[in-house]
Amino acid sequence: MPLVEHGLMVELIDITDPEDLTDAYGLRIPVLRRVDTGAELDWPFDADQVVAFLR
């Protein structure tokens, strides 16, 4: 995870339990979610899109 090596903080969440997370994210994973704004970036994405999402 190159962006983590540059200081990006990441929290991995297992969406298999509770069921509501599976329903919400099951077809979109992996999903990046910003804690500060709540904005989400669904797969597929590339490194340039992640960098833009984090700005």
PDB file of N, CA and C in Angstrom:
ATOM      1  N   MET A   1       0.841  -1.178   0.000  1.00  0.00           N
ATOM      2  CA  MET A   1       0.000   0.000   0.000  1.00  0.00           C
ATOM      3  C   MET A   1       0.886   1.242   0.000  1.00  0.00           C
ATOM      4  N   PRO A   2       1.268   1.703  -1.174  1.00  0.00           N
ATOM      5  CA  PRO A   2       2.211   2.819  -1.267  1.00  0.00           C
ATOM      6  C   PRO A   2       1.754   4.080  -0.547  1.00  0.00           C
ATOM      7  N   LEU A   3       0.468   4.385  -0.567  1.00  0.00           N
ATOM      8  CA  LEU A   3       0.011   5.614   0.083  1.00  0.00           C
ATOM      9  C   LEU A   3       0.120   5.528   1.599  1.00  0.00           C
ATOM     10  N   VAL A   4      -0.011   4.351   2.159  1.00  0.00           N
ATOM     11  CA  VAL A   4       0.154   4.158   3.596  1.00  0.00           C
ATOM     12  C   VAL A   4       1.599   4.454   3.987  1.00  0.00           C
ATOM     13  N   GLU A   5       2.524   4.066   3.141  1.00  0.00           N
ATOM     14  CA  GLU A   5       3.937   4.332   3.403  1.00  0.00           C
ATOM     15  C   GLU A   5       4.228   5.819   3.462  1.00  0.00           C
ATOM     16  N   HIS A   6       3.349   6.637   2.886  1.00  0.00           N
ATOM     17  CA  HIS A   6       3.522   8.089   2.894  1.00  0.00           C
ATOM     18  C   HIS A   6       2.645   8.770   3.933  1.00  0.00           C
ATOM     19  N   GLY A   7       2.142   8.013   4.902  1.00  0.00           N
ATOM     20  CA  GLY A   7       1.429   8.602   6.017  1.00  0.00           C
ATOM     21  C   GLY A   7      -0.083   8.515   5.975  1.00  0.00           C
ATOM     22  N   LEU A   8      -0.665   7.892   4.968  1.00  0.00           N
ATOM     23  CA  LEU A   8      -2.111   7.739   4.910  1.00  0.00           C
ATOM     24  C   LEU A   8      -2.553   6.776   6.001  1.00  0.00           C
ATOM     25  N   MET A   9      -3.505   7.196   6.826  1.00  0.00           N
ATOM     26  CA  MET A   9      -4.027   6.336   7.879  1.00  0.00           C
ATOM     27  C   MET A   9      -5.179   5.507   7.316  1.00  0.00           C
ATOM     28  N   VAL A  10      -5.140   4.204   7.536  1.00  0.00           N
ATOM     29  CA  VAL A  10      -6.126   3.283   6.980  1.00  0.00           C
ATOM     30  C   VAL A  10      -6.710   2.431   8.096  1.00  0.00           C
ATOM     31  N   GLU A  11      -8.028   2.274   8.078  1.00  0.00           N
ATOM     32  CA  GLU A  11      -8.695   1.346   8.978  1.00  0.00           C
ATOM     33  C   GLU A  11      -9.421   0.320   8.110  1.00  0.00           C
ATOM     34  N   LEU A  12      -9.089  -0.942   8.274  1.00  0.00           N
ATOM     35  CA  LEU A  12      -9.744  -2.006   7.528  1.00  0.00           C
ATOM     36  C   LEU A  12     -10.956  -2.474   8.323  1.00  0.00           C
ATOM     37  N   ILE A  13     -12.095  -2.584   7.654  1.00  0.00           N
ATOM     38  CA  ILE A  13     -13.331  -3.004   8.315  1.00  0.00           C
ATOM     39  C   ILE A  13     -13.878  -4.233   7.602  1.00  0.00           C
ATOM     40  N   ASP A  14     -14.141  -5.278   8.360  1.00  0.00           N
ATOM     41  CA  ASP A  14     -14.726  -6.497   7.824  1.00  0.00           C
ATOM     42  C   ASP A  14     -16.227  -6.268   7.669  1.00  0.00           C
ATOM     43  N   ILE A  15     -16.704  -6.305   6.422  1.00  0.00           N
ATOM     44  CA  ILE A  15     -18.116  -5.998   6.168  1.00  0.00           C
ATOM     45  C   ILE A  15     -19.016  -7.227   6.253  1.00  0.00           C
ATOM     46  N   THR A  16     -18.457  -8.396   6.578  1.00  0.00           N
ATOM     47  CA  THR A  16     -19.301  -9.590   6.632  1.00  0.00           C
ATOM     48  C   THR A  16     -20.191  -9.616   7.864  1.00  0.00           C
ATOM     49  N   ASP A  17     -19.891  -8.828   8.863  1.00  0.00           N
ATOM     50  CA  ASP A  17     -20.721  -8.738  10.053  1.00  0.00           C
ATOM     51  C   ASP A  17     -20.564  -7.342  10.621  1.00  0.00           C
ATOM     52  N   PRO A  18     -21.551  -6.556  10.797  1.00  0.00           N
ATOM     53  CA  PRO A  18     -22.975  -6.859  10.749  1.00  0.00           C
ATOM     54  C   PRO A  18     -23.525  -6.895   9.320  1.00  0.00           C
ATOM     55  N   GLU A  19     -24.681  -7.501   9.194  1.00  0.00           N
ATOM     56  CA  GLU A  19     -25.293  -7.729   7.883  1.00  0.00           C
ATOM     57  C   GLU A  19     -25.575  -6.436   7.129  1.00  0.00           C
ATOM     58  N   ASP A  20     -25.887  -5.352   7.835  1.00  0.00           N
ATOM     59  CA  ASP A  20     -26.191  -4.099   7.137  1.00  0.00           C
ATOM     60  C   ASP A  20     -24.991  -3.578   6.360  1.00  0.00           C
ATOM     61  N   LEU A  21     -23.775  -3.834   6.830  1.00  0.00           N
ATOM     62  CA  LEU A  21     -22.588  -3.422   6.077  1.00  0.00           C
ATOM     63  C   LEU A  21     -22.431  -4.266   4.822  1.00  0.00           C
ATOM     64  N   THR A  22     -22.741  -5.545   4.913  1.00  0.00           N
ATOM     65  CA  THR A  22     -22.697  -6.406   3.731  1.00  0.00           C
ATOM     66  C   THR A  22     -23.682  -5.916   2.688  1.00  0.00           C
ATOM     67  N   ASP A  23     -24.881  -5.566   3.120  1.00  0.00           N
ATOM     68  CA  ASP A  23     -25.897  -5.051   2.204  1.00  0.00           C
ATOM     69  C   ASP A  23     -25.459  -3.733   1.564  1.00  0.00           C
ATOM     70  N   ALA A  24     -24.851  -2.865   2.344  1.00  0.00           N
ATOM     71  CA  ALA A  24     -24.467  -1.530   1.857  1.00  0.00           C
ATOM     72  C   ALA A  24     -23.248  -1.563   0.942  1.00  0.00           C
ATOM     73  N   TYR A  25     -22.283  -2.417   1.241  1.00  0.00           N
ATOM     74  CA  TYR A  25     -21.003  -2.373   0.538  1.00  0.00           C
ATOM     75  C   TYR A  25     -20.681  -3.602  -0.302  1.00  0.00           C
ATOM     76  N   GLY A  26     -21.463  -4.653  -0.211  1.00  0.00           N
ATOM     77  CA  GLY A  26     -21.132  -5.929  -0.818  1.00  0.00           C
ATOM     78  C   GLY A  26     -20.760  -5.888  -2.285  1.00  0.00           C
ATOM     79  N   LEU A  27     -21.430  -5.072  -3.075  1.00  0.00           N
ATOM     80  CA  LEU A  27     -21.154  -5.016  -4.513  1.00  0.00           C
ATOM     81  C   LEU A  27     -20.165  -3.922  -4.893  1.00  0.00           C
ATOM     82  N   ARG A  28     -19.736  -3.124  -3.915  1.00  0.00           N
ATOM     83  CA  ARG A  28     -18.867  -1.981  -4.225  1.00  0.00           C
ATOM     84  C   ARG A  28     -17.449  -2.141  -3.691  1.00  0.00           C
ATOM     85  N   ILE A  29     -17.135  -3.231  -3.028  1.00  0.00           N
ATOM     86  CA  ILE A  29     -15.856  -3.326  -2.336  1.00  0.00           C
ATOM     87  C   ILE A  29     -14.692  -3.547  -3.292  1.00  0.00           C
ATOM     88  N   PRO A  30     -13.524  -3.042  -2.958  1.00  0.00           N
ATOM     89  CA  PRO A  30     -13.254  -2.243  -1.772  1.00  0.00           C
ATOM     90  C   PRO A  30     -13.781  -0.822  -1.930  1.00  0.00           C
ATOM     91  N   VAL A  31     -14.100  -0.211  -0.815  1.00  0.00           N
ATOM     92  CA  VAL A  31     -14.591   1.169  -0.766  1.00  0.00           C
ATOM     93  C   VAL A  31     -13.674   1.962   0.152  1.00  0.00           C
ATOM     94  N   LEU A  32     -13.262   3.122  -0.308  1.00  0.00           N
ATOM     95  CA  LEU A  32     -12.518   4.046   0.550  1.00  0.00           C
ATOM     96  C   LEU A  32     -13.508   5.065   1.076  1.00  0.00           C
ATOM     97  N   ARG A  33     -13.443   5.342   2.383  1.00  0.00           N
ATOM     98  CA  ARG A  33     -14.350   6.318   2.996  1.00  0.00           C
ATOM     99  C   ARG A  33     -13.531   7.312   3.790  1.00  0.00           C
ATOM    100  N   ARG A  34     -13.771   8.592   3.528  1.00  0.00           N
ATOM    101  CA  ARG A  34     -13.092   9.654   4.273  1.00  0.00           C
ATOM    102  C   ARG A  34     -13.801   9.877   5.594  1.00  0.00           C
ATOM    103  N   VAL A  35     -13.046   9.869   6.673  1.00  0.00           N
ATOM    104  CA  VAL A  35     -13.621  10.096   7.993  1.00  0.00           C
ATOM    105  C   VAL A  35     -14.062  11.547   8.148  1.00  0.00           C
ATOM    106  N   ASP A  36     -13.307  12.479   7.549  1.00  0.00           N
ATOM    107  CA  ASP A  36     -13.604  13.896   7.738  1.00  0.00           C
ATOM    108  C   ASP A  36     -14.857  14.361   7.002  1.00  0.00           C
ATOM    109  N   THR A  37     -15.141  13.790   5.831  1.00  0.00           N
ATOM    110  CA  THR A  37     -16.285  14.252   5.037  1.00  0.00           C
ATOM    111  C   THR A  37     -17.362  13.183   4.840  1.00  0.00           C
ATOM    112  N   GLY A  38     -17.008  11.923   5.057  1.00  0.00           N
ATOM    113  CA  GLY A  38     -17.940  10.837   4.804  1.00  0.00           C
ATOM    114  C   GLY A  38     -18.021  10.445   3.337  1.00  0.00           C
ATOM    115  N   ALA A  39     -17.259  11.122   2.474  1.00  0.00           N
ATOM    116  CA  ALA A  39     -17.257  10.807   1.042  1.00  0.00           C
ATOM    117  C   ALA A  39     -16.693   9.403   0.831  1.00  0.00           C
ATOM    118  N   GLU A  40     -17.213   8.708  -0.183  1.00  0.00           N
ATOM    119  CA  GLU A  40     -16.780   7.352  -0.482  1.00  0.00           C
ATOM    120  C   GLU A  40     -16.324   7.231  -1.930  1.00  0.00           C
ATOM    121  N   LEU A  41     -15.315   6.412  -2.133  1.00  0.00           N
ATOM    122  CA  LEU A  41     -14.800   6.106  -3.462  1.00  0.00           C
ATOM    123  C   LEU A  41     -14.921   4.603  -3.651  1.00  0.00           C
ATOM    124  N   ASP A  42     -15.777   4.189  -4.591  1.00  0.00           N
ATOM    125  CA  ASP A  42     -16.032   2.773  -4.847  1.00  0.00           C
ATOM    126  C   ASP A  42     -15.059   2.220  -5.876  1.00  0.00           C
ATOM    127  N   TRP A  43     -14.806   0.928  -5.789  1.00  0.00           N
ATOM    128  CA  TRP A  43     -14.016   0.220  -6.780  1.00  0.00           C
ATOM    129  C   TRP A  43     -14.770   0.209  -8.097  1.00  0.00           C
ATOM    130  N   PRO A  44     -14.154   0.340  -9.221  1.00  0.00           N
ATOM    131  CA  PRO A  44     -12.710   0.346  -9.449  1.00  0.00           C
ATOM    132  C   PRO A  44     -12.127   1.757  -9.364  1.00  0.00           C
ATOM    133  N   PHE A  45     -10.917   1.846  -8.850  1.00  0.00           N
ATOM    134  CA  PHE A  45     -10.182   3.105  -8.814  1.00  0.00           C
ATOM    135  C   PHE A  45      -8.700   2.811  -8.959  1.00  0.00           C
ATOM    136  N   ASP A  46      -7.959   3.832  -9.375  1.00  0.00           N
ATOM    137  CA  ASP A  46      -6.510   3.681  -9.490  1.00  0.00           C
ATOM    138  C   ASP A  46      -5.841   4.668  -8.530  1.00  0.00           C
ATOM    139  N   ALA A  47      -4.524   4.639  -8.485  1.00  0.00           N
ATOM    140  CA  ALA A  47      -3.780   5.476  -7.536  1.00  0.00           C
ATOM    141  C   ALA A  47      -4.043   6.960  -7.761  1.00  0.00           C
ATOM    142  N   ASP A  48      -4.141   7.393  -9.015  1.00  0.00           N
ATOM    143  CA  ASP A  48      -4.406   8.812  -9.287  1.00  0.00           C
ATOM    144  C   ASP A  48      -5.778   9.227  -8.762  1.00  0.00           C
ATOM    145  N   GLN A  49      -6.762   8.348  -8.886  1.00  0.00           N
ATOM    146  CA  GLN A  49      -8.093   8.661  -8.369  1.00  0.00           C
ATOM    147  C   GLN A  49      -8.086   8.719  -6.842  1.00  0.00           C
ATOM    148  N   VAL A  50      -7.306   7.869  -6.194  1.00  0.00           N
ATOM    149  CA  VAL A  50      -7.202   7.905  -4.744  1.00  0.00           C
ATOM    150  C   VAL A  50      -6.568   9.214  -4.290  1.00  0.00           C
ATOM    151  N   VAL A  51      -5.504   9.613  -4.953  1.00  0.00           N
ATOM    152  CA  VAL A  51      -4.837  10.872  -4.595  1.00  0.00           C
ATOM    153  C   VAL A  51      -5.807  12.051  -4.761  1.00  0.00           C
ATOM    154  N   ALA A  52      -6.546  12.084  -5.852  1.00  0.00           N
ATOM    155  CA  ALA A  52      -7.526  13.153  -6.065  1.00  0.00           C
ATOM    156  C   ALA A  52      -8.626  13.110  -4.999  1.00  0.00           C
ATOM    157  N   PHE A  53      -9.075  11.928  -4.639  1.00  0.00           N
ATOM    158  CA  PHE A  53     -10.105  11.746  -3.611  1.00  0.00           C
ATOM    159  C   PHE A  53      -9.644  12.280  -2.266  1.00  0.00           C
ATOM    160  N   LEU A  54      -8.358  12.167  -1.975  1.00  0.00           N
ATOM    161  CA  LEU A  54      -7.832  12.586  -0.688  1.00  0.00           C
ATOM    162  C   LEU A  54      -7.526  14.078  -0.609  1.00  0.00           C
ATOM    163  N   ARG A  55      -7.593  14.761  -1.719  1.00  0.00           N
ATOM    164  CA  ARG A  55      -7.308  16.220  -1.704  1.00  0.00           C
ATOM    165  C   ARG A  55      -8.499  16.996  -1.229  1.00  0.00           C
TER     166      ARG A  55
END
